[in-house]
Amino acid sequence: MFLVTGPTGNVGRHVVSQLVAAHADVRILTRNRMKAEQLLGPGGYEIVEGGFDDPKAVSKAMRGIDGVYFVSLESDEYVAQMGAMLGVAKQEGVRRIVLLSARADIASHVPFFRWHGIIERMVLNSGIPCTLLRPAWFMQNFLESAVGGTIRFAGGEGLMGFIDTRDIGSVIVKALTEPGHQPKLYLLTGPESINHCRVAEILSECSGKQFTYHALEPAEFKRELIASGKDAAFAQLSVDITDYMRKKYSGELFPDLEQILGRDGITFRQFALDHVGQFRRLAG
């Protein structure tokens, strides 16, 4: 049996649906049963209600589990919770962990990178065979950031191998259900490296609506985030994690996804076509 945490997230929902489609035994840990059932459908998996901060729920969710899918989150609180969850996983005899991480550096001054680095280290040190995944930025983020047909972001002209979360879900299912993926670190990118200007062009071409990219300066980006209701710490963190894109350090493509799945990843154009109705509504 496989345990999926974060089952209603951009990636977790695909992990659940693909495992269910493969007739695997699936259990999810969620705070909100109703939300999970509405998003995932009502059947094909067991539900344990509770959060990472609920020891009884975590213990119940881990019982009889062969493999666990974890998401690495960005907070000191989650670091502590992960330590407790790994302890339960080891006690319950979990044999495989797949961790969705991000750009990670345990010595970084940027909290985002440091948190991911710490959590990766904890998983590696747990003694449970594991697969670490570091994907590029999600294509699905544009379903939230392209409101009104304008993408306002501080990425400059930097390139990125944007990746579809459906492909990430497929890699996770492979790592959970097939041998040979532990211990491994996979760097996951889409099949092409493009910038936000090209993203806007593709969205315009596919939707028949006008999309534009407004490249913000870091200070302007931070002010807009705060004005939208984000706290100053989150706003600064968002500026920090876009720095490498602005400086054009990003954009490298890696072969890991294609090698694991045996096919090319979903292109941004295909993603846009698959969600064309949503983008047309976003553009107004």
C-alpha atoms as a PDB file:
ATOM      1  CA  MET A   1       0.000   0.000   0.000  1.00  0.00           C
ATOM      2  CA  PHE A   2       1.133   3.541  -0.775  1.00  0.00           C
ATOM      3  CA  LEU A   3       0.564   6.647   1.332  1.00  0.00           C
ATOM      4  CA  VAL A   4       0.163   9.999  -0.414  1.00  0.00           C
ATOM      5  CA  THR A   5       0.531  13.131   1.681  1.00  0.00           C
ATOM      6  CA  GLY A   6      -0.575  16.448   0.215  1.00  0.00           C
ATOM      7  CA  PRO A   7      -3.106  14.570  -1.973  1.00  0.00           C
ATOM      8  CA  THR A   8      -5.001  17.691  -3.062  1.00  0.00           C
ATOM      9  CA  GLY A   9      -1.889  19.605  -4.173  1.00  0.00           C
ATOM     10  CA  ASN A  10      -0.863  20.335  -7.751  1.00  0.00           C
ATOM     11  CA  VAL A  11       1.273  17.177  -7.823  1.00  0.00           C
ATOM     12  CA  GLY A  12      -0.344  14.977  -5.178  1.00  0.00           C
ATOM     13  CA  ARG A  13      -3.672  14.816  -6.996  1.00  0.00           C
ATOM     14  CA  HIS A  14      -1.950  13.290 -10.032  1.00  0.00           C
ATOM     15  CA  VAL A  15      -0.062  10.792  -7.872  1.00  0.00           C
ATOM     16  CA  VAL A  16      -3.349   9.601  -6.356  1.00  0.00           C
ATOM     17  CA  SER A  17      -5.213   9.397  -9.669  1.00  0.00           C
ATOM     18  CA  GLN A  18      -2.398   7.546 -11.418  1.00  0.00           C
ATOM     19  CA  LEU A  19      -1.953   5.051  -8.571  1.00  0.00           C
ATOM     20  CA  VAL A  20      -5.696   4.421  -8.468  1.00  0.00           C
ATOM     21  CA  ALA A  21      -5.744   3.959 -12.257  1.00  0.00           C
ATOM     22  CA  ALA A  22      -2.975   1.361 -11.849  1.00  0.00           C
ATOM     23  CA  HIS A  23      -5.162  -0.486  -9.297  1.00  0.00           C
ATOM     24  CA  ALA A  24      -2.656   0.096  -6.496  1.00  0.00           C
ATOM     25  CA  ASP A  25      -3.732   0.164  -2.856  1.00  0.00           C
ATOM     26  CA  VAL A  26      -3.696   3.857  -1.902  1.00  0.00           C
ATOM     27  CA  ARG A  27      -4.162   5.749   1.335  1.00  0.00           C
ATOM     28  CA  ILE A  28      -4.173   9.533   1.662  1.00  0.00           C
ATOM     29  CA  LEU A  29      -3.521  11.772   4.645  1.00  0.00           C
ATOM     30  CA  THR A  30      -5.608  14.943   4.457  1.00  0.00           C
ATOM     31  CA  ARG A  31      -7.039  17.549   6.785  1.00  0.00           C
ATOM     32  CA  ASN A  32     -10.159  17.934   4.681  1.00  0.00           C
ATOM     33  CA  ARG A  33     -12.012  14.775   3.633  1.00  0.00           C
ATOM     34  CA  MET A  34     -14.686  16.687   1.721  1.00  0.00           C
ATOM     35  CA  LYS A  35     -12.169  18.657  -0.322  1.00  0.00           C
ATOM     36  CA  ALA A  36     -10.227  15.494  -1.126  1.00  0.00           C
ATOM     37  CA  GLU A  37     -13.310  13.605  -2.274  1.00  0.00           C
ATOM     38  CA  GLN A  38     -14.494  16.532  -4.401  1.00  0.00           C
ATOM     39  CA  LEU A  39     -11.118  16.872  -6.092  1.00  0.00           C
ATOM     40  CA  LEU A  40     -10.099  13.221  -6.392  1.00  0.00           C
ATOM     41  CA  GLY A  41     -13.462  11.539  -6.700  1.00  0.00           C
ATOM     42  CA  PRO A  42     -15.153   9.504  -4.000  1.00  0.00           C
ATOM     43  CA  GLY A  43     -13.438   6.121  -4.293  1.00  0.00           C
ATOM     44  CA  GLY A  44     -10.347   4.040  -4.972  1.00  0.00           C
ATOM     45  CA  TYR A  45      -8.373   5.087  -1.890  1.00  0.00           C
ATOM     46  CA  GLU A  46      -8.501   5.074   1.898  1.00  0.00           C
ATOM     47  CA  ILE A  47      -8.660   8.343   3.827  1.00  0.00           C
ATOM     48  CA  VAL A  48      -7.003   9.222   7.124  1.00  0.00           C
ATOM     49  CA  GLU A  49      -8.077  12.639   8.345  1.00  0.00           C
ATOM     50  CA  GLY A  50      -5.440  14.753  10.050  1.00  0.00           C
ATOM     51  CA  GLY A  51      -2.361  16.851   9.523  1.00  0.00           C
ATOM     52  CA  PHE A  52       1.375  16.464   9.925  1.00  0.00           C
ATOM     53  CA  ASP A  53       1.009  17.918  13.428  1.00  0.00           C
ATOM     54  CA  ASP A  54      -1.355  15.127  14.520  1.00  0.00           C
ATOM     55  CA  PRO A  55       0.733  12.166  15.803  1.00  0.00           C
ATOM     56  CA  LYS A  56      -2.261   9.819  16.001  1.00  0.00           C
ATOM     57  CA  ALA A  57      -3.267  10.526  12.416  1.00  0.00           C
ATOM     58  CA  VAL A  58       0.307  10.150  11.164  1.00  0.00           C
ATOM     59  CA  SER A  59       0.719   6.842  12.996  1.00  0.00           C
ATOM     60  CA  LYS A  60      -2.589   5.533  11.617  1.00  0.00           C
ATOM     61  CA  ALA A  61      -1.705   6.659   8.096  1.00  0.00           C
ATOM     62  CA  MET A  62       1.696   4.922   8.147  1.00  0.00           C
ATOM     63  CA  ARG A  63       0.404   1.552   9.353  1.00  0.00           C
ATOM     64  CA  GLY A  64       0.971  -1.183   6.772  1.00  0.00           C
ATOM     65  CA  ILE A  65       2.505   1.197   4.233  1.00  0.00           C
ATOM     66  CA  ASP A  66       5.223   0.119   1.768  1.00  0.00           C
ATOM     67  CA  GLY A  67       5.978   3.498   0.167  1.00  0.00           C
ATOM     68  CA  VAL A  68       5.291   7.124   1.065  1.00  0.00           C
ATOM     69  CA  TYR A  69       5.120  10.261  -1.052  1.00  0.00           C
ATOM     70  CA  PHE A  70       6.152  13.377   0.873  1.00  0.00           C
ATOM     71  CA  VAL A  71       6.213  17.033  -0.153  1.00  0.00           C
ATOM     72  CA  SER A  72       9.020  19.193   1.203  1.00  0.00           C
ATOM     73  CA  LEU A  73       7.490  22.386   2.628  1.00  0.00           C
ATOM     74  CA  GLU A  74       9.165  25.641   3.566  1.00  0.00           C
ATOM     75  CA  SER A  75       9.047  26.287   7.312  1.00  0.00           C
ATOM     76  CA  ASP A  76      10.888  25.484  10.508  1.00  0.00           C
ATOM     77  CA  GLU A  77       7.647  23.940  11.775  1.00  0.00           C
ATOM     78  CA  TYR A  78       7.554  21.475   8.902  1.00  0.00           C
ATOM     79  CA  VAL A  79      11.189  20.499   9.492  1.00  0.00           C
ATOM     80  CA  ALA A  80      10.209  19.418  13.008  1.00  0.00           C
ATOM     81  CA  GLN A  81       7.123  17.609  11.726  1.00  0.00           C
ATOM     82  CA  MET A  82       9.149  15.771   9.102  1.00  0.00           C
ATOM     83  CA  GLY A  83      11.489  14.461  11.791  1.00  0.00           C
ATOM     84  CA  ALA A  84       8.537  13.000  13.657  1.00  0.00           C
ATOM     85  CA  MET A  85       6.969  11.525  10.506  1.00  0.00           C
ATOM     86  CA  LEU A  86      10.218   9.867   9.476  1.00  0.00           C
ATOM     87  CA  GLY A  87      10.470   8.330  12.931  1.00  0.00           C
ATOM     88  CA  VAL A  88       6.996   6.828  12.560  1.00  0.00           C
ATOM     89  CA  ALA A  89       7.775   5.648   9.033  1.00  0.00           C
ATOM     90  CA  LYS A  90      10.860   3.801  10.227  1.00  0.00           C
ATOM     91  CA  GLN A  91       8.995   2.297  13.163  1.00  0.00           C
ATOM     92  CA  GLU A  92       6.208   1.069  10.867  1.00  0.00           C
ATOM     93  CA  GLY A  93       8.649  -0.529   8.440  1.00  0.00           C
ATOM     94  CA  VAL A  94       8.124   1.780   5.444  1.00  0.00           C
ATOM     95  CA  ARG A  95      10.433   0.553   2.703  1.00  0.00           C
ATOM     96  CA  ARG A  96      10.470   3.462   0.259  1.00  0.00           C
ATOM     97  CA  ILE A  97      10.127   7.250   0.325  1.00  0.00           C
ATOM     98  CA  VAL A  98       9.712   9.643  -2.585  1.00  0.00           C
ATOM     99  CA  LEU A  99      10.290  13.289  -1.634  1.00  0.00           C
ATOM    100  CA  LEU A 100       9.200  16.177  -3.822  1.00  0.00           C
ATOM    101  CA  SER A 101      11.799  18.814  -3.070  1.00  0.00           C
ATOM    102  CA  ALA A 102      13.108  21.884  -4.904  1.00  0.00           C
ATOM    103  CA  ARG A 103      16.350  23.735  -5.376  1.00  0.00           C
ATOM    104  CA  ALA A 104      18.115  22.871  -2.114  1.00  0.00           C
ATOM    105  CA  ASP A 105      21.208  24.096  -0.263  1.00  0.00           C
ATOM    106  CA  ILE A 106      21.557  23.334   3.418  1.00  0.00           C
ATOM    107  CA  ALA A 107      24.097  26.169   3.831  1.00  0.00           C
ATOM    108  CA  SER A 108      22.129  28.834   1.925  1.00  0.00           C
ATOM    109  CA  HIS A 109      21.252  32.195   3.490  1.00  0.00           C
ATOM    110  CA  VAL A 110      17.912  31.956   1.642  1.00  0.00           C
ATOM    111  CA  PRO A 111      15.451  30.142   3.945  1.00  0.00           C
ATOM    112  CA  PHE A 112      13.618  28.467   1.036  1.00  0.00           C
ATOM    113  CA  PHE A 113      16.743  26.687  -0.205  1.00  0.00           C
ATOM    114  CA  ARG A 114      17.970  25.926   3.311  1.00  0.00           C
ATOM    115  CA  TRP A 115      14.690  24.318   4.425  1.00  0.00           C
ATOM    116  CA  HIS A 116      14.633  22.043   1.393  1.00  0.00           C
ATOM    117  CA  GLY A 117      18.277  21.132   1.986  1.00  0.00           C
ATOM    118  CA  ILE A 118      17.615  20.230   5.622  1.00  0.00           C
ATOM    119  CA  ILE A 119      14.601  18.082   4.778  1.00  0.00           C
ATOM    120  CA  GLU A 120      16.479  16.255   2.017  1.00  0.00           C
ATOM    121  CA  ARG A 121      19.284  15.525   4.497  1.00  0.00           C
ATOM    122  CA  MET A 122      16.786  14.227   7.055  1.00  0.00           C
ATOM    123  CA  VAL A 123      15.224  11.848   4.535  1.00  0.00           C
ATOM    124  CA  LEU A 124      18.636  10.588   3.429  1.00  0.00           C
ATOM    125  CA  ASN A 125      19.712  10.063   7.041  1.00  0.00           C
ATOM    126  CA  SER A 126      16.523   8.193   7.942  1.00  0.00           C
ATOM    127  CA  GLY A 127      17.928   4.962   6.565  1.00  0.00           C
ATOM    128  CA  ILE A 128      14.802   4.388   4.469  1.00  0.00           C
ATOM    129  CA  PRO A 129      15.560   3.966   0.738  1.00  0.00           C
ATOM    130  CA  CYS A 130      14.531   7.200  -0.936  1.00  0.00           C
ATOM    131  CA  THR A 131      14.135   9.109  -4.161  1.00  0.00           C
ATOM    132  CA  LEU A 132      14.628  12.880  -4.134  1.00  0.00           C
ATOM    133  CA  LEU A 133      12.996  14.935  -6.876  1.00  0.00           C
ATOM    134  CA  ARG A 134      13.902  18.530  -7.715  1.00  0.00           C
ATOM    135  CA  PRO A 135      11.541  19.757 -10.424  1.00  0.00           C
ATOM    136  CA  ALA A 136      11.668  23.050 -12.282  1.00  0.00           C
ATOM    137  CA  TRP A 137       8.842  25.591 -11.933  1.00  0.00           C
ATOM    138  CA  PHE A 138       5.386  24.178 -12.548  1.00  0.00           C
ATOM    139  CA  MET A 139       3.516  25.074 -15.725  1.00  0.00           C
ATOM    140  CA  GLN A 140       0.344  24.969 -13.628  1.00  0.00           C
ATOM    141  CA  ASN A 141       1.511  28.078 -11.730  1.00  0.00           C
ATOM    142  CA  PHE A 142       0.416  30.128 -14.740  1.00  0.00           C
ATOM    143  CA  LEU A 143      -3.184  29.122 -14.082  1.00  0.00           C
ATOM    144  CA  GLU A 144      -2.936  31.452 -11.084  1.00  0.00           C
ATOM    145  CA  SER A 145      -0.408  34.068 -12.199  1.00  0.00           C
ATOM    146  CA  ALA A 146      -1.836  34.988 -15.629  1.00  0.00           C
ATOM    147  CA  VAL A 147      -4.996  36.677 -14.337  1.00  0.00           C
ATOM    148  CA  GLY A 148      -6.275  39.351 -16.705  1.00  0.00           C
ATOM    149  CA  GLY A 149      -3.880  38.201 -19.403  1.00  0.00           C
ATOM    150  CA  THR A 150      -0.878  39.819 -17.698  1.00  0.00           C
ATOM    151  CA  ILE A 151       1.971  37.870 -16.135  1.00  0.00           C
ATOM    152  CA  ARG A 152       3.633  40.138 -13.583  1.00  0.00           C
ATOM    153  CA  PHE A 153       6.820  38.502 -12.361  1.00  0.00           C
ATOM    154  CA  ALA A 154      10.417  39.318 -11.469  1.00  0.00           C
ATOM    155  CA  GLY A 155      12.035  36.693 -13.670  1.00  0.00           C
ATOM    156  CA  GLY A 156      13.563  39.095 -16.165  1.00  0.00           C
ATOM    157  CA  GLU A 157      14.402  37.363 -19.439  1.00  0.00           C
ATOM    158  CA  GLY A 158      15.684  34.259 -17.697  1.00  0.00           C
ATOM    159  CA  LEU A 159      14.926  30.845 -19.148  1.00  0.00           C
ATOM    160  CA  MET A 160      13.268  27.942 -17.365  1.00  0.00           C
ATOM    161  CA  GLY A 161      12.508  24.331 -18.267  1.00  0.00           C
ATOM    162  CA  PHE A 162       8.914  24.625 -17.035  1.00  0.00           C
ATOM    163  CA  ILE A 163       7.421  21.236 -16.188  1.00  0.00           C
ATOM    164  CA  ASP A 164       3.856  19.910 -16.172  1.00  0.00           C
ATOM    165  CA  THR A 165       2.789  18.532 -12.788  1.00  0.00           C
ATOM    166  CA  ARG A 166       1.208  15.565 -14.561  1.00  0.00           C
ATOM    167  CA  ASP A 167       4.692  14.474 -15.625  1.00  0.00           C
ATOM    168  CA  ILE A 168       6.004  14.919 -12.081  1.00  0.00           C
ATOM    169  CA  GLY A 169       3.173  12.724 -10.839  1.00  0.00           C
ATOM    170  CA  SER A 170       4.139  10.040 -13.362  1.00  0.00           C
ATOM    171  CA  VAL A 171       7.756  10.068 -12.161  1.00  0.00           C
ATOM    172  CA  ILE A 172       6.612   9.759  -8.534  1.00  0.00           C
ATOM    173  CA  VAL A 173       4.420   6.764  -9.351  1.00  0.00           C
ATOM    174  CA  LYS A 174       7.345   5.094 -11.137  1.00  0.00           C
ATOM    175  CA  ALA A 175       9.641   5.736  -8.174  1.00  0.00           C
ATOM    176  CA  LEU A 176       7.058   4.370  -5.723  1.00  0.00           C
ATOM    177  CA  THR A 177       6.127   1.247  -7.651  1.00  0.00           C
ATOM    178  CA  GLU A 178       9.256   0.191  -9.546  1.00  0.00           C
ATOM    179  CA  PRO A 179      12.715  -0.888  -8.349  1.00  0.00           C
ATOM    180  CA  GLY A 180      15.906   0.958  -9.191  1.00  0.00           C
ATOM    181  CA  HIS A 181      15.044   4.476  -8.078  1.00  0.00           C
ATOM    182  CA  GLN A 182      16.633   4.425  -4.619  1.00  0.00           C
ATOM    183  CA  PRO A 183      18.783   6.125  -3.554  1.00  0.00           C
ATOM    184  CA  LYS A 184      18.546   8.590  -6.413  1.00  0.00           C
ATOM    185  CA  LEU A 185      18.315  12.343  -6.964  1.00  0.00           C
ATOM    186  CA  TYR A 186      16.420  13.331 -10.102  1.00  0.00           C
ATOM    187  CA  LEU A 187      16.455  16.810 -11.632  1.00  0.00           C
ATOM    188  CA  LEU A 188      13.205  17.209 -13.521  1.00  0.00           C
ATOM    189  CA  THR A 189      12.646  19.710 -16.316  1.00  0.00           C
ATOM    190  CA  GLY A 190      10.276  19.988 -19.228  1.00  0.00           C
ATOM    191  CA  PRO A 191      11.449  19.372 -22.797  1.00  0.00           C
ATOM    192  CA  GLU A 192      12.200  23.027 -23.656  1.00  0.00           C
ATOM    193  CA  SER A 193      13.772  26.042 -22.003  1.00  0.00           C
ATOM    194  CA  ILE A 194      11.725  29.219 -22.495  1.00  0.00           C
ATOM    195  CA  ASN A 195      11.287  32.592 -20.838  1.00  0.00           C
ATOM    196  CA  HIS A 196       8.153  34.377 -19.688  1.00  0.00           C
ATOM    197  CA  CYS A 197       7.900  36.371 -22.915  1.00  0.00           C
ATOM    198  CA  ARG A 198       7.636  33.115 -24.865  1.00  0.00           C
ATOM    199  CA  VAL A 199       5.126  31.798 -22.326  1.00  0.00           C
ATOM    200  CA  ALA A 200       2.891  34.820 -23.023  1.00  0.00           C
ATOM    201  CA  GLU A 201       3.250  34.305 -26.783  1.00  0.00           C
ATOM    202  CA  ILE A 202       2.261  30.629 -26.575  1.00  0.00           C
ATOM    203  CA  LEU A 203      -0.728  31.395 -24.352  1.00  0.00           C
ATOM    204  CA  SER A 204      -1.865  34.053 -26.830  1.00  0.00           C
ATOM    205  CA  GLU A 205      -1.472  31.743 -29.820  1.00  0.00           C
ATOM    206  CA  CYS A 206      -3.310  28.843 -28.184  1.00  0.00           C
ATOM    207  CA  SER A 207      -6.145  30.777 -26.545  1.00  0.00           C
ATOM    208  CA  GLY A 208      -6.815  33.475 -29.121  1.00  0.00           C
ATOM    209  CA  LYS A 209      -6.601  35.949 -26.247  1.00  0.00           C
ATOM    210  CA  GLN A 210      -3.892  38.525 -25.560  1.00  0.00           C
ATOM    211  CA  PHE A 211      -1.328  37.599 -22.909  1.00  0.00           C
ATOM    212  CA  THR A 212       1.623  39.819 -22.019  1.00  0.00           C
ATOM    213  CA  TYR A 213       4.578  39.559 -19.686  1.00  0.00           C
ATOM    214  CA  HIS A 214       5.438  42.495 -17.448  1.00  0.00           C
ATOM    215  CA  ALA A 215       8.957  42.022 -16.081  1.00  0.00           C
ATOM    216  CA  LEU A 216       9.026  43.551 -12.607  1.00  0.00           C
ATOM    217  CA  GLU A 217      12.026  44.822 -10.726  1.00  0.00           C
ATOM    218  CA  PRO A 218      12.594  42.962  -7.436  1.00  0.00           C
ATOM    219  CA  ALA A 219      11.473  45.882  -5.248  1.00  0.00           C
ATOM    220  CA  GLU A 220       8.325  46.341  -7.336  1.00  0.00           C
ATOM    221  CA  PHE A 221       7.582  42.623  -7.196  1.00  0.00           C
ATOM    222  CA  LYS A 222       7.933  42.678  -3.410  1.00  0.00           C
ATOM    223  CA  ARG A 223       5.633  45.700  -3.050  1.00  0.00           C
ATOM    224  CA  GLU A 224       2.957  44.063  -5.192  1.00  0.00           C
ATOM    225  CA  LEU A 225       3.078  40.860  -3.159  1.00  0.00           C
ATOM    226  CA  ILE A 226       2.687  42.787   0.081  1.00  0.00           C
ATOM    227  CA  ALA A 227      -0.147  44.843  -1.404  1.00  0.00           C
ATOM    228  CA  SER A 228      -1.903  41.583  -2.341  1.00  0.00           C
ATOM    229  CA  GLY A 229      -1.876  40.477   1.288  1.00  0.00           C
ATOM    230  CA  LYS A 230       1.374  38.515   1.548  1.00  0.00           C
ATOM    231  CA  ASP A 231       3.544  39.194   4.569  1.00  0.00           C
ATOM    232  CA  ALA A 232       6.946  40.844   4.183  1.00  0.00           C
ATOM    233  CA  ALA A 233       8.869  37.644   4.914  1.00  0.00           C
ATOM    234  CA  PHE A 234       7.058  35.727   2.173  1.00  0.00           C
ATOM    235  CA  ALA A 235       7.504  38.618  -0.250  1.00  0.00           C
ATOM    236  CA  GLN A 236      11.251  38.755   0.368  1.00  0.00           C
ATOM    237  CA  LEU A 237      11.481  34.982   0.015  1.00  0.00           C
ATOM    238  CA  SER A 238       9.716  35.202  -3.357  1.00  0.00           C
ATOM    239  CA  VAL A 239      12.209  37.818  -4.521  1.00  0.00           C
ATOM    240  CA  ASP A 240      15.135  35.680  -3.350  1.00  0.00           C
ATOM    241  CA  ILE A 241      14.035  32.550  -5.184  1.00  0.00           C
ATOM    242  CA  THR A 242      13.608  34.414  -8.481  1.00  0.00           C
ATOM    243  CA  ASP A 243      17.094  35.918  -8.307  1.00  0.00           C
ATOM    244  CA  TYR A 244      18.791  33.084 -10.184  1.00  0.00           C
ATOM    245  CA  MET A 245      16.295  33.404 -13.034  1.00  0.00           C
ATOM    246  CA  ARG A 246      16.778  37.160 -13.327  1.00  0.00           C
ATOM    247  CA  LYS A 247      20.535  36.630 -13.471  1.00  0.00           C
ATOM    248  CA  LYS A 248      20.044  34.013 -16.218  1.00  0.00           C
ATOM    249  CA  TYR A 249      21.523  31.159 -14.183  1.00  0.00           C
ATOM    250  CA  SER A 250      18.464  28.989 -14.847  1.00  0.00           C
ATOM    251  CA  GLY A 251      17.282  27.223 -17.976  1.00  0.00           C
ATOM    252  CA  GLU A 252      19.443  24.117 -18.043  1.00  0.00           C
ATOM    253  CA  LEU A 253      17.560  21.022 -19.191  1.00  0.00           C
ATOM    254  CA  PHE A 254      18.112  17.557 -17.729  1.00  0.00           C
ATOM    255  CA  PRO A 255      17.357  14.125 -19.259  1.00  0.00           C
ATOM    256  CA  ASP A 256      16.059  12.459 -16.070  1.00  0.00           C
ATOM    257  CA  LEU A 257      12.336  12.739 -16.801  1.00  0.00           C
ATOM    258  CA  GLU A 258      12.622  11.331 -20.319  1.00  0.00           C
ATOM    259  CA  GLN A 259      14.845   8.483 -19.125  1.00  0.00           C
ATOM    260  CA  ILE A 260      12.428   7.513 -16.345  1.00  0.00           C
ATOM    261  CA  LEU A 261       9.202   7.790 -18.349  1.00  0.00           C
ATOM    262  CA  GLY A 262      10.584   6.586 -21.680  1.00  0.00           C
ATOM    263  CA  ARG A 263       9.007   9.536 -23.488  1.00  0.00           C
ATOM    264  CA  ASP A 264       9.352  13.279 -23.868  1.00  0.00           C
ATOM    265  CA  GLY A 265       7.775  15.539 -21.297  1.00  0.00           C
ATOM    266  CA  ILE A 266       4.676  17.596 -22.021  1.00  0.00           C
ATOM    267  CA  THR A 267       5.506  20.812 -23.888  1.00  0.00           C
ATOM    268  CA  PHE A 268       4.246  24.188 -22.741  1.00  0.00           C
ATOM    269  CA  ARG A 269       2.147  24.445 -25.892  1.00  0.00           C
ATOM    270  CA  GLN A 270       0.436  21.138 -25.145  1.00  0.00           C
ATOM    271  CA  PHE A 271      -0.151  22.262 -21.550  1.00  0.00           C
ATOM    272  CA  ALA A 272      -1.717  25.502 -22.820  1.00  0.00           C
ATOM    273  CA  LEU A 273      -3.984  23.619 -25.233  1.00  0.00           C
ATOM    274  CA  ASP A 274      -5.037  21.175 -22.512  1.00  0.00           C
ATOM    275  CA  HIS A 275      -6.104  24.119 -20.318  1.00  0.00           C
ATOM    276  CA  VAL A 276      -7.223  26.514 -23.036  1.00  0.00           C
ATOM    277  CA  GLY A 277     -10.656  27.102 -21.526  1.00  0.00           C
ATOM    278  CA  GLN A 278      -9.160  28.151 -18.196  1.00  0.00           C
ATOM    279  CA  PHE A 279      -6.724  30.510 -19.874  1.00  0.00           C
ATOM    280  CA  ARG A 280      -9.467  32.109 -21.949  1.00  0.00           C
ATOM    281  CA  ARG A 281     -11.417  32.776 -18.766  1.00  0.00           C
ATOM    282  CA  LEU A 282      -8.295  34.144 -17.073  1.00  0.00           C
ATOM    283  CA  ALA A 283      -7.683  36.590 -19.896  1.00  0.00           C
ATOM    284  CA  GLY A 284     -11.245  37.877 -19.654  1.00  0.00           C
END
